[in-house]
Amino acid sequence: MADVCEEDAREENIHENGPINGEGDGLVNDSVSPEVTKKKKKKKKKKNVGNSPVDGEGDAIAELNEGLQQQTLEVQKTEPSQDAEEDKEVETQGTEEATKKKKKKKKKKGAKQQTDPPTIPVSELFPDGNFPEGEVLEYPTPKDGRTAIDRMNNEERKYLDRMNLDLYNEIRQAAEAHRQTRKYVKSFIQPGLTMIDICQRLENTSRKMINENGLEAGLAFPTGCSLNHCAAHYTPNTGDTTVLQYDDVCKIDFGTHIKGHIIDCAFTVAFNPKYDELLKAVKDATNTGIREAGIDVRLCDIGESIQEVMESYEVELDGKTYQVKAIRNLNGHSISPYQIHSGKTVPIVKGGEATRMEEMEFYAIETFGSTGKGMVHDDMETSHYMKNFDVGHVPLRLTKSKQLLNVINKNFGTLAFCRRWLDRLEETKYLMALKNLCDMGIVDPYPPLCDIKGCYTAQFEHTILLRPTCKEVISRGEDY
């Protein structure tokens, strides 16, 4: 750059002062090349534009540089803003997708599904505490011509209904646990399984469904799995090797409870279709009892209706026809908190008490049909026991009896239990103490109830609640 500046200075002196002693012409003609003359012409043009050639070029270059710098600054300012807007758009899209995913996750949490086999407690499936309502039925019209208020639309009765909503949800929770357990039982029960295996699998599932918690929630009584001529109160003791056969008729009777509010519900399983009419007769009779039940209804009237329906059926077994008979010394019963049989009985034959049903009472409507005599008696080894609900303090001498009574009070209270459950609590050598408690009247034994050998019996049962507005079959399900 320095060489170019010296030549420019010499050229300017020659142009302004003119040739000195003829040297200018020689310099121009001899030493100046055509390229230099072109440059001179360009520089002369620049002189006309600006005051001085050097200052004009510098200013122009500076202006160009400033303009370029401003443009680059503007571009840099605009590009980051565009990038920022794009980043914002990406971020907003990302946040929208994240919120959608969160909503989906929340929906999945809310719609929790039961596993197969069932392992999730029903309290987790219905976290809001509102459990499915049972079958709602209107009360029957009195047969004696009396009229009653319209309970379904009466505001006072509706208010009483709302006041008892917490109680309803507790008993409905127990009912839902029962429904899910029996659904699982029906999926696996088959010939070839031992009775003790069936009972243990059922009870383990039921404990999970009800979320067992001492006397607050759990099983209401041992699982009954009475076979054929045995109608009720049979469950296998430890060591029982009885196996379910294809030609057996098995009554599955088990219960659940929440805070002592008991669901007592049973059904019959038969694999051979020849027993279908027997099962149909008993199911129809049970539904008849449910339909006839209601506030101010006499218990004896229900029994009469049940017997009429039950004994209208016949069943043919191996070429011989049998009338289905109602077992007259087995009954339904009222239920109270922590008391499975609380005083009132619902007969399944004509006659019986003229006691009336009352509002807010719980009843187990159960019927038994038989191809035998229609009478049961105590038979076989005892497995069911229950502490007497009304017994007071009884002094005990045997230390083992005192210890066993403490175990019963802590784990079962006044609910029924069986010997298998004592084994599960790791109690040993308790039979003598248990007999002593029975002899003292503190604990009552409930041996199996059987009709004549060779006959077949069936059972269906539901728990109902006589609400102020309607009758609710709490344990009703899709199966029966």
Protein backbone atom coordinates (compact mmCIF):
# COMPACT_ATOMS: atom_id res chain seq x y z
CA MET A 1 0.00 0.00 0.00
CA ALA A 2 2.93 2.47 0.62
CA ASP A 3 4.20 2.22 -2.98
CA VAL A 4 0.87 3.20 -4.41
CA CYS A 5 0.62 6.27 -2.13
CA GLU A 6 4.09 7.69 -3.21
CA GLU A 7 3.26 7.48 -6.90
CA ASP A 8 -0.06 9.23 -6.32
CA ALA A 9 1.74 12.11 -4.54
CA ARG A 10 4.23 12.59 -7.40
CA GLU A 11 1.48 12.56 -9.97
CA GLU A 12 -0.44 15.22 -8.05
CA ASN A 13 2.64 17.51 -7.88
CA ILE A 14 3.21 17.20 -11.61
CA HIS A 15 -0.46 17.91 -12.33
CA GLU A 16 -0.57 21.00 -10.10
CA ASN A 17 2.90 22.59 -10.71
CA GLY A 18 3.41 21.44 -14.25
CA PRO A 19 6.65 20.01 -15.80
CA ILE A 20 9.91 21.30 -14.42
CA ASN A 21 12.63 21.89 -17.05
CA GLY A 22 10.95 19.41 -19.34
CA GLU A 23 11.13 16.64 -16.87
CA GLY A 24 7.40 16.23 -16.69
CA ASP A 25 7.00 15.29 -20.30
CA GLY A 26 9.78 12.79 -20.05
CA LEU A 27 8.28 11.23 -17.00
CA VAL A 28 4.85 11.02 -18.52
CA ASN A 29 5.94 9.77 -21.85
CA ASP A 30 8.80 7.51 -20.87
CA SER A 31 8.18 6.14 -17.41
CA VAL A 32 4.39 6.07 -17.20
CA SER A 33 2.78 2.90 -18.57
CA PRO A 34 -0.69 2.66 -20.12
CA GLU A 35 -2.09 1.02 -16.94
CA VAL A 36 -0.92 3.98 -14.85
CA THR A 37 -2.59 6.44 -17.19
CA LYS A 38 -5.87 4.61 -16.82
CA LYS A 39 -5.55 4.82 -13.06
CA LYS A 40 -4.86 8.55 -13.35
CA LYS A 41 -8.00 9.10 -15.38
CA LYS A 42 -10.06 7.26 -12.74
CA LYS A 43 -8.47 9.32 -9.99
CA LYS A 44 -9.17 12.56 -11.84
CA LYS A 45 -12.80 11.67 -12.02
CA LYS A 46 -12.79 11.08 -8.29
CA LYS A 47 -11.23 14.54 -7.75
CA ASN A 48 -14.17 16.20 -9.43
CA VAL A 49 -16.56 14.46 -7.07
CA GLY A 50 -14.73 15.14 -3.78
CA ASN A 51 -12.53 17.96 -2.51
CA SER A 52 -9.45 15.78 -2.27
CA PRO A 53 -8.88 12.40 -3.85
CA VAL A 54 -7.54 10.73 -0.74
CA ASP A 55 -10.25 12.06 1.58
CA GLY A 56 -13.04 11.13 -0.86
CA GLU A 57 -11.89 7.58 -1.24
CA GLY A 58 -11.49 7.17 2.50
CA ASP A 59 -14.95 8.57 3.17
CA ALA A 60 -16.50 6.33 0.53
CA ILE A 61 -14.74 3.26 1.90
CA ALA A 62 -15.73 4.20 5.43
CA GLU A 63 -19.34 4.69 4.39
CA LEU A 64 -19.31 1.36 2.61
CA ASN A 65 -17.80 -0.34 5.65
CA GLU A 66 -20.35 1.31 7.98
CA GLY A 67 -23.19 0.27 5.69
CA LEU A 68 -21.94 -3.28 5.56
CA GLN A 69 -21.53 -3.34 9.32
CA GLN A 70 -25.07 -2.00 9.84
CA GLN A 71 -26.46 -4.59 7.44
CA THR A 72 -24.61 -7.39 9.20
CA LEU A 73 -25.86 -6.09 12.57
CA GLU A 74 -29.45 -5.94 11.29
CA VAL A 75 -29.13 -9.45 9.86
CA GLN A 76 -27.72 -10.69 13.16
CA LYS A 77 -30.57 -9.01 15.04
CA THR A 78 -33.27 -10.42 12.78
CA GLU A 79 -31.83 -13.93 12.56
CA PRO A 80 -31.71 -14.49 16.34
CA SER A 81 -35.27 -13.23 16.65
CA GLN A 82 -36.39 -15.67 13.97
CA ASP A 83 -34.40 -18.43 15.65
CA ALA A 84 -35.92 -17.46 18.97
CA GLU A 85 -39.40 -17.59 17.46
CA GLU A 86 -38.65 -21.00 16.00
CA ASP A 87 -37.26 -22.12 19.36
CA LYS A 88 -40.38 -20.80 21.06
CA GLU A 89 -42.56 -22.67 18.59
CA VAL A 90 -40.57 -25.85 19.22
CA GLU A 91 -40.81 -25.28 22.97
CA THR A 92 -44.57 -24.65 22.83
CA GLN A 93 -45.03 -27.76 20.70
CA GLY A 94 -42.93 -29.71 23.18
CA THR A 95 -44.89 -28.41 26.15
CA GLU A 96 -48.20 -29.19 24.40
CA GLU A 97 -47.04 -32.73 23.68
CA ALA A 98 -45.83 -33.09 27.27
CA THR A 99 -49.17 -31.89 28.66
CA LYS A 100 -51.01 -34.29 26.37
CA LYS A 101 -48.82 -37.14 27.59
CA LYS A 102 -49.45 -36.12 31.19
CA LYS A 103 -53.20 -36.05 30.55
CA LYS A 104 -53.00 -39.48 28.96
CA LYS A 105 -51.04 -40.75 31.93
CA LYS A 106 -53.60 -39.27 34.30
CA LYS A 107 -56.40 -40.91 32.36
CA LYS A 108 -54.59 -44.23 32.57
CA LYS A 109 -54.20 -43.84 36.31
CA GLY A 110 -57.89 -43.01 36.70
CA ALA A 111 -59.00 -45.97 34.59
CA LYS A 112 -57.12 -48.64 36.54
CA GLN A 113 -57.96 -52.12 35.29
CA GLN A 114 -58.12 -55.37 37.22
CA THR A 115 -55.44 -57.95 36.52
CA ASP A 116 -55.98 -61.59 35.61
CA PRO A 117 -55.88 -63.31 38.06
CA PRO A 118 -57.21 -60.44 40.20
CA THR A 119 -54.65 -58.85 42.55
CA ILE A 120 -55.69 -55.18 42.83
CA PRO A 121 -58.01 -54.37 45.78
CA VAL A 122 -61.37 -52.95 44.74
CA SER A 123 -60.65 -49.88 46.88
CA GLU A 124 -57.90 -48.98 44.37
CA LEU A 125 -60.16 -49.58 41.39
CA PHE A 126 -62.65 -47.06 42.81
CA PRO A 127 -60.41 -44.45 44.49
CA ASP A 128 -63.26 -41.97 44.92
CA GLY A 129 -65.00 -44.36 47.32
CA ASN A 130 -68.15 -44.70 45.21
CA PHE A 131 -68.68 -48.40 44.50
CA PRO A 132 -71.13 -49.97 42.03
CA GLU A 133 -74.73 -50.06 43.14
CA GLY A 134 -76.51 -53.39 43.27
CA GLU A 135 -79.80 -54.21 41.59
CA VAL A 136 -82.47 -51.69 42.63
CA LEU A 137 -86.07 -52.95 42.90
CA GLU A 138 -89.29 -51.30 43.95
CA TYR A 139 -91.13 -52.70 46.94
CA PRO A 140 -93.97 -55.11 46.19
CA THR A 141 -97.60 -54.03 46.44
CA PRO A 142 -99.22 -55.45 49.61
CA LYS A 143 -101.51 -58.40 48.89
CA ASP A 144 -104.05 -57.44 51.55
CA GLY A 145 -105.16 -54.30 49.70
CA ARG A 146 -103.25 -51.83 51.88
CA THR A 147 -101.68 -48.82 50.21
CA ALA A 148 -98.24 -47.46 50.96
CA ILE A 149 -96.40 -44.25 50.19
CA ASP A 150 -94.43 -43.92 46.97
CA ARG A 151 -91.03 -44.47 48.54
CA MET A 152 -89.10 -44.00 45.30
CA ASN A 153 -90.26 -40.37 44.93
CA ASN A 154 -90.82 -39.34 48.54
CA GLU A 155 -88.44 -36.48 49.46
CA GLU A 156 -88.18 -37.53 53.09
CA ARG A 157 -87.17 -41.07 52.08
CA LYS A 158 -84.66 -39.69 49.57
CA TYR A 159 -83.09 -37.58 52.31
CA LEU A 160 -82.77 -40.64 54.58
CA ASP A 161 -81.17 -42.48 51.69
CA ARG A 162 -78.53 -39.77 51.26
CA MET A 163 -77.82 -39.81 55.00
CA ASN A 164 -76.79 -43.48 54.75
CA LEU A 165 -74.54 -43.14 51.70
CA ASP A 166 -71.35 -43.98 53.63
CA LEU A 167 -72.91 -47.19 54.92
CA TYR A 168 -74.06 -48.10 51.41
CA ASN A 169 -70.57 -47.65 49.97
CA GLU A 170 -69.03 -49.84 52.68
CA ILE A 171 -71.37 -52.74 51.99
CA ARG A 172 -71.06 -52.18 48.21
CA GLN A 173 -67.28 -52.43 48.50
CA ALA A 174 -67.67 -55.83 50.14
CA ALA A 175 -70.11 -56.83 47.39
CA GLU A 176 -67.73 -55.79 44.60
CA ALA A 177 -64.92 -57.79 46.22
CA HIS A 178 -67.27 -60.79 46.32
CA ARG A 179 -68.23 -60.40 42.65
CA GLN A 180 -64.64 -60.20 41.42
CA THR A 181 -63.59 -63.15 43.58
CA ARG A 182 -66.38 -65.44 42.43
CA LYS A 183 -65.73 -64.47 38.80
CA TYR A 184 -62.17 -65.69 39.22
CA VAL A 185 -63.31 -68.86 41.01
CA LYS A 186 -65.65 -69.76 38.18
CA SER A 187 -62.76 -69.38 35.73
CA PHE A 188 -60.53 -71.99 37.38
CA ILE A 189 -62.79 -74.42 39.24
CA GLN A 190 -62.89 -77.79 37.48
CA PRO A 191 -62.94 -81.51 38.22
CA GLY A 192 -59.68 -82.90 39.57
CA LEU A 193 -58.91 -80.07 41.97
CA THR A 194 -58.80 -80.80 45.67
CA MET A 195 -61.39 -79.00 47.78
CA ILE A 196 -58.70 -77.54 50.02
CA ASP A 197 -56.90 -76.07 46.99
CA ILE A 198 -60.14 -74.47 45.73
CA CYS A 199 -60.84 -72.93 49.14
CA GLN A 200 -57.33 -71.60 49.63
CA ARG A 201 -57.19 -69.99 46.19
CA LEU A 202 -60.61 -68.44 46.70
CA GLU A 203 -59.77 -67.10 50.16
CA ASN A 204 -56.38 -65.73 49.08
CA THR A 205 -58.03 -63.84 46.22
CA SER A 206 -60.85 -62.61 48.42
CA ARG A 207 -58.35 -61.26 50.97
CA LYS A 208 -56.65 -59.27 48.22
CA MET A 209 -59.91 -57.92 46.81
CA ILE A 210 -61.21 -56.77 50.19
CA ASN A 211 -57.74 -55.54 51.24
CA GLU A 212 -57.84 -57.48 54.51
CA ASN A 213 -57.20 -55.36 57.57
CA GLY A 214 -57.87 -57.14 60.85
CA LEU A 215 -61.48 -56.73 61.96
CA GLU A 216 -61.94 -53.64 59.76
CA ALA A 217 -62.07 -55.58 56.50
CA GLY A 218 -61.75 -59.24 55.60
CA LEU A 219 -63.53 -62.56 55.23
CA ALA A 220 -66.87 -62.87 57.02
CA PHE A 221 -66.86 -66.67 57.39
CA PRO A 222 -65.03 -69.74 56.01
CA THR A 223 -65.59 -70.85 52.44
CA GLY A 224 -68.32 -73.48 52.25
CA CYS A 225 -67.85 -76.03 49.47
CA SER A 226 -70.42 -78.65 50.42
CA LEU A 227 -70.78 -81.56 48.00
CA ASN A 228 -73.83 -83.46 46.81
CA HIS A 229 -76.01 -84.54 49.80
CA CYS A 230 -74.16 -82.14 52.11
CA ALA A 231 -76.05 -78.84 51.91
CA ALA A 232 -74.03 -76.44 54.09
CA HIS A 233 -71.21 -75.77 56.58
CA TYR A 234 -68.56 -78.00 55.05
CA THR A 235 -65.05 -76.73 54.46
CA PRO A 236 -62.02 -79.05 54.37
CA ASN A 237 -59.83 -79.27 57.45
CA THR A 238 -56.07 -79.57 57.09
CA GLY A 239 -55.22 -82.98 55.62
CA ASP A 240 -58.56 -83.42 53.80
CA THR A 241 -57.82 -84.98 50.40
CA THR A 242 -61.33 -84.78 48.89
CA VAL A 243 -61.20 -84.16 45.12
CA LEU A 244 -63.93 -82.47 43.07
CA GLN A 245 -65.48 -84.88 40.55
CA TYR A 246 -67.36 -84.32 37.29
CA ASP A 247 -70.65 -85.65 38.73
CA ASP A 248 -70.45 -83.58 41.94
CA VAL A 249 -72.79 -80.72 42.82
CA CYS A 250 -70.72 -78.15 44.75
CA LYS A 251 -72.16 -75.24 46.75
CA ILE A 252 -69.67 -72.33 46.97
CA ASP A 253 -70.68 -70.13 49.92
CA PHE A 254 -68.32 -67.39 51.15
CA GLY A 255 -68.61 -63.92 52.64
CA THR A 256 -66.79 -60.60 52.83
CA HIS A 257 -67.21 -57.65 55.17
CA ILE A 258 -66.22 -54.01 55.65
CA LYS A 259 -66.42 -52.82 59.28
CA GLY A 260 -68.66 -55.76 60.10
CA HIS A 261 -71.16 -55.12 57.27
CA ILE A 262 -71.40 -58.61 55.80
CA ILE A 263 -72.07 -59.85 52.28
CA ASP A 264 -73.40 -63.43 52.45
CA CYS A 265 -73.69 -64.83 48.93
CA ALA A 266 -73.58 -68.34 47.44
CA PHE A 267 -73.92 -70.21 44.17
CA THR A 268 -73.84 -73.82 42.95
CA VAL A 269 -71.41 -75.37 40.46
CA ALA A 270 -72.31 -78.51 38.47
CA PHE A 271 -70.36 -79.75 35.44
CA ASN A 272 -72.83 -82.44 34.35
CA PRO A 273 -75.81 -80.86 32.52
CA LYS A 274 -78.21 -83.39 34.05
CA TYR A 275 -78.34 -81.19 37.17
CA ASP A 276 -79.42 -78.07 35.25
CA GLU A 277 -83.08 -78.28 36.31
CA LEU A 278 -82.08 -78.62 39.96
CA LEU A 279 -79.95 -75.47 39.76
CA LYS A 280 -82.65 -73.66 37.80
CA ALA A 281 -85.27 -74.48 40.43
CA VAL A 282 -83.18 -73.16 43.32
CA LYS A 283 -82.11 -70.01 41.47
CA ASP A 284 -85.73 -69.25 40.56
CA ALA A 285 -86.80 -69.81 44.17
CA THR A 286 -84.12 -67.42 45.45
CA ASN A 287 -85.17 -64.73 42.98
CA THR A 288 -88.77 -65.24 44.08
CA GLY A 289 -87.79 -64.66 47.70
CA ILE A 290 -85.96 -61.47 46.70
CA ARG A 291 -88.93 -60.25 44.70
CA GLU A 292 -91.38 -60.87 47.57
CA ALA A 293 -89.20 -59.29 50.28
CA GLY A 294 -89.90 -55.76 51.42
CA ILE A 295 -90.71 -53.42 54.29
CA ASP A 296 -93.69 -54.67 56.36
CA VAL A 297 -93.74 -57.98 54.49
CA ARG A 298 -94.36 -61.03 56.71
CA LEU A 299 -91.52 -63.56 56.70
CA CYS A 300 -93.92 -66.51 56.49
CA ASP A 301 -95.40 -65.15 53.24
CA ILE A 302 -91.96 -65.15 51.65
CA GLY A 303 -91.43 -68.78 52.64
CA GLU A 304 -94.73 -69.80 51.11
CA SER A 305 -93.87 -68.16 47.77
CA ILE A 306 -90.41 -69.77 47.73
CA GLN A 307 -91.76 -73.28 48.34
CA GLU A 308 -94.43 -72.91 45.66
CA VAL A 309 -91.83 -72.05 43.03
CA MET A 310 -89.19 -74.54 44.21
CA GLU A 311 -91.46 -77.58 44.25
CA SER A 312 -92.91 -76.83 40.82
CA TYR A 313 -89.68 -78.20 39.31
CA GLU A 314 -88.69 -81.78 38.59
CA VAL A 315 -85.30 -83.22 37.70
CA GLU A 316 -84.52 -86.49 35.94
CA LEU A 317 -81.41 -88.31 37.15
CA ASP A 318 -80.35 -91.62 35.64
CA GLY A 319 -83.83 -92.37 34.32
CA LYS A 320 -85.63 -91.51 37.57
CA THR A 321 -87.65 -88.34 38.14
CA TYR A 322 -87.37 -86.43 41.41
CA GLN A 323 -89.39 -83.49 42.65
CA VAL A 324 -87.14 -80.67 43.84
CA LYS A 325 -87.95 -80.19 47.54
CA ALA A 326 -87.21 -77.12 49.63
CA ILE A 327 -85.09 -78.10 52.66
CA ARG A 328 -87.51 -77.00 55.36
CA ASN A 329 -85.07 -76.73 58.28
CA LEU A 330 -82.72 -74.36 56.45
CA ASN A 331 -83.57 -70.68 56.28
CA GLY A 332 -82.47 -67.26 55.21
CA HIS A 333 -81.67 -64.80 57.98
CA SER A 334 -81.21 -61.18 58.96
CA ILE A 335 -77.67 -59.79 59.23
CA SER A 336 -76.25 -57.23 61.67
CA PRO A 337 -72.74 -55.78 62.03
CA TYR A 338 -70.35 -58.61 63.00
CA GLN A 339 -73.35 -60.96 63.42
CA ILE A 340 -74.15 -63.26 60.53
CA HIS A 341 -77.40 -64.61 62.10
CA SER A 342 -78.98 -61.70 63.93
CA GLY A 343 -82.34 -63.02 65.07
CA LYS A 344 -84.89 -63.07 62.25
CA THR A 345 -85.20 -66.10 59.98
CA VAL A 346 -86.62 -66.18 56.45
CA PRO A 347 -88.24 -69.61 55.93
CA ILE A 348 -88.23 -71.33 52.55
CA VAL A 349 -91.41 -73.34 53.19
CA LYS A 350 -94.96 -72.47 54.17
CA GLY A 351 -95.51 -71.52 57.82
CA GLY A 352 -93.04 -69.98 60.18
CA GLU A 353 -93.03 -66.64 61.90
CA ALA A 354 -95.40 -63.81 61.07
CA THR A 355 -92.68 -61.28 61.94
CA ARG A 356 -92.41 -58.41 59.48
CA MET A 357 -89.37 -57.01 57.74
CA GLU A 358 -88.35 -53.46 58.68
CA GLU A 359 -86.65 -50.51 57.05
CA MET A 360 -82.82 -50.52 56.88
CA GLU A 361 -82.54 -54.24 57.66
CA PHE A 362 -80.08 -56.53 55.88
CA TYR A 363 -81.21 -60.02 54.88
CA ALA A 364 -79.55 -63.06 53.36
CA ILE A 365 -82.20 -64.56 51.08
CA GLU A 366 -81.02 -68.13 50.51
CA THR A 367 -82.83 -71.24 49.36
CA PHE A 368 -81.83 -74.90 49.31
CA GLY A 369 -83.32 -77.53 47.01
CA SER A 370 -82.89 -81.29 47.37
CA THR A 371 -83.73 -84.50 45.54
CA GLY A 372 -83.81 -86.29 48.94
CA LYS A 373 -86.08 -85.89 51.95
CA GLY A 374 -85.81 -82.12 52.23
CA MET A 375 -84.44 -82.32 55.80
CA VAL A 376 -80.83 -81.97 56.97
CA HIS A 377 -79.00 -83.22 60.04
CA ASP A 378 -75.52 -82.84 61.55
CA ASP A 379 -72.96 -85.13 59.97
CA MET A 380 -69.22 -85.46 59.30
CA GLU A 381 -66.34 -83.70 61.02
CA THR A 382 -66.91 -80.16 62.29
CA SER A 383 -64.94 -77.39 60.60
CA HIS A 384 -66.96 -74.18 61.25
CA TYR A 385 -66.91 -72.38 64.60
CA MET A 386 -68.12 -69.01 65.82
CA LYS A 387 -67.92 -67.14 69.08
CA ASN A 388 -71.29 -66.64 70.76
CA PHE A 389 -72.36 -63.05 70.07
CA ASP A 390 -74.19 -62.61 73.40
CA VAL A 391 -71.77 -64.39 75.73
CA GLY A 392 -70.33 -62.37 78.57
CA HIS A 393 -67.22 -62.99 80.65
CA VAL A 394 -66.71 -66.67 81.42
CA PRO A 395 -63.85 -67.69 83.77
CA LEU A 396 -61.48 -70.22 82.23
CA ARG A 397 -59.08 -72.50 84.05
CA LEU A 398 -57.01 -73.86 81.17
CA THR A 399 -54.18 -71.57 80.11
CA LYS A 400 -54.36 -72.86 76.53
CA SER A 401 -58.08 -72.03 76.42
CA LYS A 402 -57.40 -68.48 77.55
CA GLN A 403 -54.66 -68.09 74.95
CA LEU A 404 -56.87 -69.50 72.17
CA LEU A 405 -59.75 -67.22 73.15
CA ASN A 406 -57.43 -64.21 72.90
CA VAL A 407 -56.45 -65.32 69.37
CA ILE A 408 -60.12 -65.69 68.40
CA ASN A 409 -61.05 -62.28 69.83
CA LYS A 410 -58.14 -60.57 68.08
CA ASN A 411 -58.53 -62.14 64.64
CA PHE A 412 -62.20 -63.09 64.28
CA GLY A 413 -64.21 -61.41 67.01
CA THR A 414 -67.78 -62.72 66.65
CA LEU A 415 -67.29 -63.70 62.99
CA ALA A 416 -67.15 -67.37 62.00
CA PHE A 417 -63.80 -69.15 61.52
CA CYS A 418 -62.50 -72.63 60.77
CA ARG A 419 -59.64 -74.84 61.86
CA ARG A 420 -57.66 -74.07 58.70
CA TRP A 421 -57.61 -70.41 59.69
CA LEU A 422 -56.19 -71.29 63.10
CA ASP A 423 -53.51 -73.34 61.34
CA ARG A 424 -52.78 -70.32 59.14
CA LEU A 425 -52.12 -68.30 62.31
CA GLU A 426 -49.59 -71.00 63.29
CA GLU A 427 -51.68 -72.23 66.20
CA THR A 428 -50.83 -75.79 67.23
CA LYS A 429 -52.31 -78.35 69.63
CA TYR A 430 -55.48 -76.30 70.05
CA LEU A 431 -58.20 -78.97 69.65
CA MET A 432 -58.55 -79.62 73.38
CA ALA A 433 -58.73 -75.87 74.12
CA LEU A 434 -61.27 -75.40 71.31
CA LYS A 435 -63.44 -78.20 72.72
CA ASN A 436 -63.22 -76.57 76.15
CA LEU A 437 -64.43 -73.24 74.74
CA CYS A 438 -67.33 -75.04 73.06
CA ASP A 439 -68.23 -76.88 76.28
CA MET A 440 -68.22 -73.56 78.18
CA GLY A 441 -70.62 -72.02 75.65
CA ILE A 442 -68.15 -69.36 74.55
CA VAL A 443 -67.73 -70.80 71.05
CA ASP A 444 -70.46 -72.61 69.08
CA PRO A 445 -69.60 -75.43 66.65
CA TYR A 446 -71.40 -75.60 63.29
CA PRO A 447 -71.04 -79.13 61.86
CA PRO A 448 -71.88 -79.92 58.21
CA LEU A 449 -75.61 -80.22 57.44
CA CYS A 450 -76.54 -83.20 55.25
CA ASP A 451 -79.60 -84.76 53.67
CA ILE A 452 -79.74 -88.52 52.98
CA LYS A 453 -76.75 -89.99 51.17
CA GLY A 454 -77.12 -90.40 47.44
CA CYS A 455 -79.25 -87.28 46.94
CA TYR A 456 -78.17 -83.93 45.55
CA THR A 457 -78.65 -80.46 46.98
CA ALA A 458 -78.21 -77.00 45.52
CA GLN A 459 -78.06 -73.45 46.94
CA PHE A 460 -78.30 -69.86 45.73
CA GLU A 461 -78.10 -66.81 47.99
CA HIS A 462 -78.02 -63.01 47.85
CA THR A 463 -77.77 -60.20 50.41
CA ILE A 464 -80.43 -57.50 50.21
CA LEU A 465 -80.87 -54.14 51.95
CA LEU A 466 -84.28 -52.60 52.62
CA ARG A 467 -83.47 -48.96 51.92
CA PRO A 468 -85.94 -46.14 52.70
CA THR A 469 -86.64 -45.63 48.99
CA CYS A 470 -86.16 -49.06 47.44
CA LYS A 471 -84.87 -52.60 47.84
CA GLU A 472 -81.25 -53.14 46.77
CA VAL A 473 -79.88 -56.58 45.92
CA ILE A 474 -76.34 -55.63 46.90
CA SER A 475 -74.55 -58.80 45.82
CA ARG A 476 -76.25 -59.09 42.43
CA GLY A 477 -73.86 -59.54 39.52
CA GLU A 478 -73.84 -60.41 35.84
CA ASP A 479 -73.50 -64.10 36.68
CA TYR A 480 -76.59 -64.54 38.87
